[in-house]
């Protein structure tokens, strides 16, 4: 028995040493593979952005050279002047700011309130209502475009802000995200606040939201970026700079003289990206925390 036990002990020890040695050898390989994957992803994301930026400083004839030039041969800022003068650029910027601000505030407020009701309040049909909201996430916006367009046109809302804003004011994603965050909050704190006499509104503003700022910031950034870049519905609803957003203005710039002026278009694209890029860089840490906050409940 003692000899057998010794042999088993040796085998186990040898097996553990072999596994540890294998892991030690696979560690550097896994790190190299991980770094290689990061480099590939970075290049896939960064190269198109770099090409847009470089092209925005090129002369028109330098864009079509073969092989492609990765740095402007004749550096110029003329495309930026063309982008801001050949169309009513600042009118489109104004419209984008107004529509994005109204839609973002509306979606954030409605998303937080609806998520709070579904997570913290008890009422009949709560589960069914949440299933309907989840089902709304599965329906692409393009499916409802024709019916919405017919309805908005009959109401005379084409080329108006309300015609663009109201059909886009759905909050299914925000409700889903914020509800999961609210459900992940410690139940002891919620019950303690209720025992102290906190009503629904006081509970929301004094207890729930202060513990949910990262998720709320993530939700806000995603909402602002999506509304700023919204293209299809504003394009259907707008004919000119009266209500058209900045992406629509870039479309008109592309077709300004019947040819594709890629340098001004790239310059306009850079200017359109700057606000949301600055916003994301300033709040990216909060966004990452917010998207992962509800992953582990504790």
Protein backbone atom coordinates (compact mmCIF):
# COMPACT_ATOMS: atom_id res chain seq x y z
CA UNK A 1 0.00 0.00 0.00
CA UNK A 2 2.76 2.41 0.89
CA UNK A 3 4.62 1.70 -2.37
CA UNK A 4 1.46 2.22 -4.39
CA UNK A 5 0.68 5.45 -2.60
CA UNK A 6 4.20 6.68 -3.23
CA UNK A 7 3.90 5.88 -6.92
CA UNK A 8 0.57 7.70 -7.11
CA UNK A 9 2.06 10.68 -5.30
CA UNK A 10 4.98 10.74 -7.74
CA UNK A 11 2.62 10.53 -10.71
CA UNK A 12 0.45 13.34 -9.38
CA UNK A 13 3.43 15.51 -8.61
CA UNK A 14 4.94 14.79 -12.00
CA UNK A 15 1.66 15.54 -13.76
CA UNK A 16 1.28 18.84 -11.92
CA UNK A 17 4.82 19.83 -12.77
CA UNK A 18 4.23 18.93 -16.42
CA UNK A 19 1.05 21.06 -16.52
CA UNK A 20 2.80 23.97 -14.86
CA UNK A 21 5.66 23.71 -17.35
CA UNK A 22 3.20 23.60 -20.26
CA UNK A 23 1.39 26.68 -18.95
CA UNK A 24 4.67 28.52 -18.50
CA UNK A 25 5.60 27.77 -22.12
CA UNK A 26 2.14 28.69 -23.46
CA UNK A 27 2.05 31.97 -21.50
CA UNK A 28 4.35 33.98 -23.83
CA UNK A 29 2.66 32.48 -26.89
CA UNK A 30 -0.76 33.57 -25.63
CA UNK A 31 0.55 37.07 -24.90
CA UNK A 32 2.05 37.34 -28.39
CA UNK A 33 -1.21 36.15 -29.95
CA UNK A 34 -3.17 38.64 -27.87
CA UNK A 35 -0.92 41.54 -28.85
CA UNK A 36 -1.07 40.48 -32.50
CA UNK A 37 -4.86 40.46 -32.38
CA UNK A 38 -4.85 43.93 -30.77
CA UNK A 39 -2.59 45.24 -33.54
CA UNK A 40 -4.86 43.80 -36.23
CA UNK A 41 -7.96 45.34 -34.65
CA UNK A 42 -6.18 48.67 -34.24
CA UNK A 43 -5.16 48.71 -37.90
CA UNK A 44 -8.67 47.79 -39.06
CA UNK A 45 -10.13 50.68 -37.07
CA UNK A 46 -7.34 53.25 -37.37
CA UNK A 47 -6.38 52.97 -41.05
CA UNK A 48 -9.74 54.18 -42.46
CA UNK A 49 -9.76 57.07 -39.99
CA UNK A 50 -6.19 57.97 -40.90
CA UNK A 51 -7.05 57.83 -44.61
CA UNK A 52 -10.02 60.15 -44.09
CA UNK A 53 -7.85 62.63 -42.19
CA UNK A 54 -5.03 62.54 -44.75
CA UNK A 55 -7.40 62.87 -47.70
CA UNK A 56 -8.99 65.94 -46.14
CA UNK A 57 -5.67 67.77 -46.61
CA UNK A 58 -5.04 66.65 -50.21
CA UNK A 59 -5.67 68.39 -53.48
CA UNK A 60 -8.29 66.74 -55.67
CA UNK A 61 -5.80 65.45 -58.25
CA UNK A 62 -3.63 63.84 -55.55
CA UNK A 63 -6.44 61.59 -54.34
CA UNK A 64 -6.44 59.38 -57.44
CA UNK A 65 -2.69 58.81 -57.74
CA UNK A 66 -1.33 55.27 -58.09
CA UNK A 67 0.11 53.97 -55.85
CA UNK A 68 -1.84 55.66 -53.08
CA UNK A 69 -0.07 58.41 -51.16
CA UNK A 70 -0.21 57.98 -47.39
CA UNK A 71 0.85 61.56 -46.80
CA UNK A 72 -0.29 64.67 -48.73
CA UNK A 73 2.22 65.65 -51.40
CA UNK A 74 0.71 69.12 -51.61
CA UNK A 75 -0.67 69.92 -48.16
CA UNK A 76 -3.71 72.23 -48.30
CA UNK A 77 -6.63 73.32 -46.12
CA UNK A 78 -8.77 74.27 -49.12
CA UNK A 79 -11.07 71.22 -48.66
CA UNK A 80 -12.13 72.54 -45.24
CA UNK A 81 -12.97 75.92 -46.73
CA UNK A 82 -14.92 74.22 -49.50
CA UNK A 83 -16.79 71.97 -47.05
CA UNK A 84 -17.95 74.95 -44.99
CA UNK A 85 -18.82 77.26 -47.91
CA UNK A 86 -20.20 75.12 -50.74
CA UNK A 87 -23.15 74.07 -48.57
CA UNK A 88 -24.90 75.76 -45.64
CA UNK A 89 -22.57 73.85 -43.32
CA UNK A 90 -23.31 75.71 -40.11
CA UNK A 91 -27.05 75.46 -40.67
CA UNK A 92 -26.67 71.70 -40.83
CA UNK A 93 -24.53 71.78 -37.68
CA UNK A 94 -27.22 73.82 -35.91
CA UNK A 95 -29.90 71.33 -36.92
CA UNK A 96 -27.77 68.39 -35.77
CA UNK A 97 -27.17 70.02 -32.39
CA UNK A 98 -30.87 70.79 -31.87
CA UNK A 99 -32.13 67.37 -32.96
CA UNK A 100 -29.39 65.47 -31.10
CA UNK A 101 -29.92 67.45 -27.89
CA UNK A 102 -33.71 67.05 -27.86
CA UNK A 103 -33.62 63.37 -28.80
CA UNK A 104 -30.84 62.54 -26.34
CA UNK A 105 -32.52 64.26 -23.39
CA UNK A 106 -35.85 62.65 -24.26
CA UNK A 107 -34.38 59.17 -24.59
CA UNK A 108 -32.29 59.43 -21.44
CA UNK A 109 -35.18 60.70 -19.29
CA UNK A 110 -37.68 58.18 -20.65
CA UNK A 111 -35.16 55.36 -20.50
CA UNK A 112 -34.27 56.01 -16.86
CA UNK A 113 -37.88 56.42 -15.73
CA UNK A 114 -39.16 53.35 -17.59
CA UNK A 115 -36.21 51.23 -16.40
CA UNK A 116 -36.79 52.34 -12.82
CA UNK A 117 -40.47 51.40 -13.04
CA UNK A 118 -39.67 47.96 -14.46
CA UNK A 119 -36.91 47.27 -11.93
CA UNK A 120 -38.20 48.79 -8.68
CA UNK A 121 -41.97 49.05 -8.88
CA UNK A 122 -44.52 46.27 -8.69
CA UNK A 123 -47.51 46.44 -11.04
CA UNK A 124 -49.55 43.96 -13.12
CA UNK A 125 -48.12 43.06 -16.50
CA UNK A 126 -44.59 44.22 -15.70
CA UNK A 127 -43.00 41.08 -17.12
CA UNK A 128 -45.09 41.20 -20.28
CA UNK A 129 -44.23 44.85 -20.81
CA UNK A 130 -40.52 44.08 -20.55
CA UNK A 131 -40.89 41.27 -23.10
CA UNK A 132 -42.53 43.75 -25.49
CA UNK A 133 -39.62 46.16 -25.01
CA UNK A 134 -37.11 43.39 -25.71
CA UNK A 135 -39.10 42.44 -28.81
CA UNK A 136 -38.85 46.06 -30.00
CA UNK A 137 -35.06 45.72 -29.93
CA UNK A 138 -35.33 42.87 -32.43
CA UNK A 139 -37.19 44.94 -35.02
CA UNK A 140 -34.88 46.88 -37.39
CA UNK A 141 -35.78 50.55 -37.77
CA UNK A 142 -35.83 50.16 -41.54
CA UNK A 143 -38.93 47.97 -41.34
CA UNK A 144 -41.05 50.82 -39.96
CA UNK A 145 -39.71 53.50 -42.29
CA UNK A 146 -42.46 53.24 -44.92
CA UNK A 147 -45.35 53.34 -42.46
CA UNK A 148 -43.77 56.15 -40.44
CA UNK A 149 -43.05 58.15 -43.58
CA UNK A 150 -46.65 57.84 -44.76
CA UNK A 151 -47.98 58.90 -41.35
CA UNK A 152 -45.63 61.84 -40.91
CA UNK A 153 -46.29 63.06 -44.47
CA UNK A 154 -50.05 62.95 -43.92
CA UNK A 155 -49.61 65.05 -40.79
CA UNK A 156 -47.64 67.66 -42.75
CA UNK A 157 -44.51 67.18 -40.67
CA UNK A 158 -41.96 66.81 -43.46
CA UNK A 159 -39.13 69.35 -43.19
CA UNK A 160 -39.94 69.95 -39.52
CA UNK A 161 -38.06 69.10 -36.35
CA UNK A 162 -40.97 67.19 -34.85
CA UNK A 163 -41.22 65.05 -37.97
CA UNK A 164 -37.63 63.92 -37.40
CA UNK A 165 -37.61 63.73 -33.61
CA UNK A 166 -40.85 62.02 -32.62
CA UNK A 167 -40.48 58.81 -34.70
CA UNK A 168 -36.92 58.39 -33.38
CA UNK A 169 -37.78 58.81 -29.69
CA UNK A 170 -38.01 55.10 -28.83
CA UNK A 171 -36.13 54.03 -25.69
CA UNK A 172 -36.01 50.21 -25.85
CA UNK A 173 -32.21 49.94 -25.62
CA UNK A 174 -31.92 52.47 -22.79
CA UNK A 175 -34.70 50.79 -20.83
CA UNK A 176 -33.01 47.41 -21.19
CA UNK A 177 -29.55 48.72 -20.20
CA UNK A 178 -30.67 50.81 -17.23
CA UNK A 179 -33.07 48.15 -15.93
CA UNK A 180 -30.22 45.63 -15.72
CA UNK A 181 -28.13 48.18 -13.88
CA UNK A 182 -30.88 48.97 -11.38
CA UNK A 183 -31.46 45.26 -10.72
CA UNK A 184 -27.75 44.79 -9.95
CA UNK A 185 -27.81 47.34 -7.11
CA UNK A 186 -27.50 45.95 -3.55
CA UNK A 187 -30.94 45.09 -2.27
CA UNK A 188 -29.99 46.02 1.30
CA UNK A 189 -29.47 49.66 0.34
CA UNK A 190 -32.79 49.80 -1.50
CA UNK A 191 -34.68 48.25 1.42
CA UNK A 192 -32.95 50.57 3.89
CA UNK A 193 -34.01 53.60 1.85
CA UNK A 194 -37.60 52.34 1.75
CA UNK A 195 -37.61 51.80 5.51
CA UNK A 196 -36.41 55.39 5.92
CA UNK A 197 -39.52 56.53 4.07
CA UNK A 198 -38.03 57.34 0.67
CA UNK A 199 -40.71 57.59 -2.00
CA UNK A 200 -40.25 56.52 -5.65
CA UNK A 201 -38.85 59.86 -6.87
CA UNK A 202 -36.59 60.38 -3.86
CA UNK A 203 -35.39 56.79 -4.19
CA UNK A 204 -34.54 57.40 -7.85
CA UNK A 205 -32.71 60.71 -7.43
CA UNK A 206 -31.05 60.16 -4.03
CA UNK A 207 -30.24 56.44 -4.05
CA UNK A 208 -30.53 54.67 -7.40
CA UNK A 209 -29.02 57.21 -9.82
CA UNK A 210 -25.97 58.11 -7.65
CA UNK A 211 -25.00 54.43 -7.72
CA UNK A 212 -25.61 54.16 -11.47
CA UNK A 213 -23.63 57.07 -12.90
CA UNK A 214 -21.21 54.98 -14.99
CA UNK A 215 -24.05 53.13 -16.73
CA UNK A 216 -26.01 56.34 -17.18
CA UNK A 217 -22.98 58.02 -18.74
CA UNK A 218 -22.47 55.05 -21.07
CA UNK A 219 -26.13 55.16 -22.07
CA UNK A 220 -25.88 58.92 -22.67
CA UNK A 221 -22.76 58.63 -24.84
CA UNK A 222 -24.26 55.85 -26.96
CA UNK A 223 -27.46 57.85 -27.38
CA UNK A 224 -25.68 61.07 -28.37
CA UNK A 225 -23.44 59.29 -30.89
CA UNK A 226 -26.34 57.40 -32.45
CA UNK A 227 -28.50 60.50 -32.82
CA UNK A 228 -25.63 62.63 -34.14
CA UNK A 229 -24.91 60.02 -36.84
CA UNK A 230 -28.55 59.24 -37.69
CA UNK A 231 -28.91 59.35 -41.46
CA UNK A 232 -31.79 57.46 -43.08
CA UNK A 233 -34.79 59.03 -41.35
CA UNK A 234 -33.53 62.66 -41.45
CA UNK A 235 -32.66 62.12 -45.12
CA UNK A 236 -36.25 61.08 -45.87
CA UNK A 237 -37.69 63.94 -43.84
CA UNK A 238 -35.45 66.81 -44.98
CA UNK A 239 -35.06 68.48 -48.36
CA UNK A 240 -32.57 71.23 -47.51
CA UNK A 241 -30.73 73.05 -44.74
CA UNK A 242 -33.90 74.11 -42.94
CA UNK A 243 -34.05 70.87 -40.95
CA UNK A 244 -31.36 68.66 -42.52
CA UNK A 245 -28.66 67.28 -40.23
CA UNK A 246 -24.92 67.27 -40.87
CA UNK A 247 -24.80 63.79 -42.51
CA UNK A 248 -27.46 65.04 -44.94
CA UNK A 249 -25.35 68.10 -45.65
CA UNK A 250 -22.39 65.91 -46.53
CA UNK A 251 -24.60 64.05 -49.01
CA UNK A 252 -25.54 67.32 -50.69
CA UNK A 253 -21.85 68.29 -50.70
CA UNK A 254 -20.99 65.08 -52.53
CA UNK A 255 -23.52 65.84 -55.26
CA UNK A 256 -22.91 69.58 -55.31
CA UNK A 257 -21.61 69.81 -58.89
CA UNK A 258 -22.41 66.34 -60.18
CA UNK A 259 -19.03 64.87 -59.21
CA UNK A 260 -17.66 63.41 -56.01
CA UNK A 261 -15.44 66.01 -54.34
CA UNK A 262 -13.74 63.60 -52.02
CA UNK A 263 -11.37 66.06 -50.36
CA UNK A 264 -14.16 68.42 -49.15
CA UNK A 265 -16.30 65.40 -48.23
CA UNK A 266 -13.49 63.98 -46.10
CA UNK A 267 -12.95 67.41 -44.54
CA UNK A 268 -16.64 67.63 -43.68
CA UNK A 269 -16.50 64.10 -42.28
CA UNK A 270 -13.60 65.05 -40.02
CA UNK A 271 -15.50 68.09 -38.75
CA UNK A 272 -18.59 65.94 -38.18
CA UNK A 273 -16.60 63.36 -36.21
CA UNK A 274 -14.82 65.81 -33.92
CA UNK A 275 -17.64 66.56 -31.42
CA UNK A 276 -18.53 62.93 -30.70
CA UNK A 277 -14.86 61.90 -30.75
CA UNK A 278 -14.00 64.50 -28.10
CA UNK A 279 -17.01 63.45 -26.05
CA UNK A 280 -16.03 59.78 -26.22
CA UNK A 281 -12.38 60.40 -25.34
CA UNK A 282 -13.40 62.52 -22.36
CA UNK A 283 -15.83 59.95 -20.96
CA UNK A 284 -14.48 56.61 -22.23
CA UNK A 285 -13.52 55.34 -18.77
CA UNK A 286 -17.02 55.93 -17.46
CA UNK A 287 -18.46 54.28 -20.56
CA UNK A 288 -16.41 51.10 -20.09
CA UNK A 289 -17.36 50.94 -16.42
CA UNK A 290 -21.00 51.50 -17.26
CA UNK A 291 -21.18 48.75 -19.89
CA UNK A 292 -19.63 46.22 -17.49
CA UNK A 293 -21.30 47.39 -14.27
CA UNK A 294 -24.18 44.94 -14.44
CA UNK A 295 -22.09 41.99 -15.57
CA UNK A 296 -21.39 40.80 -12.00
CA UNK A 297 -23.90 41.32 -9.26
CA UNK A 298 -22.38 41.94 -5.88
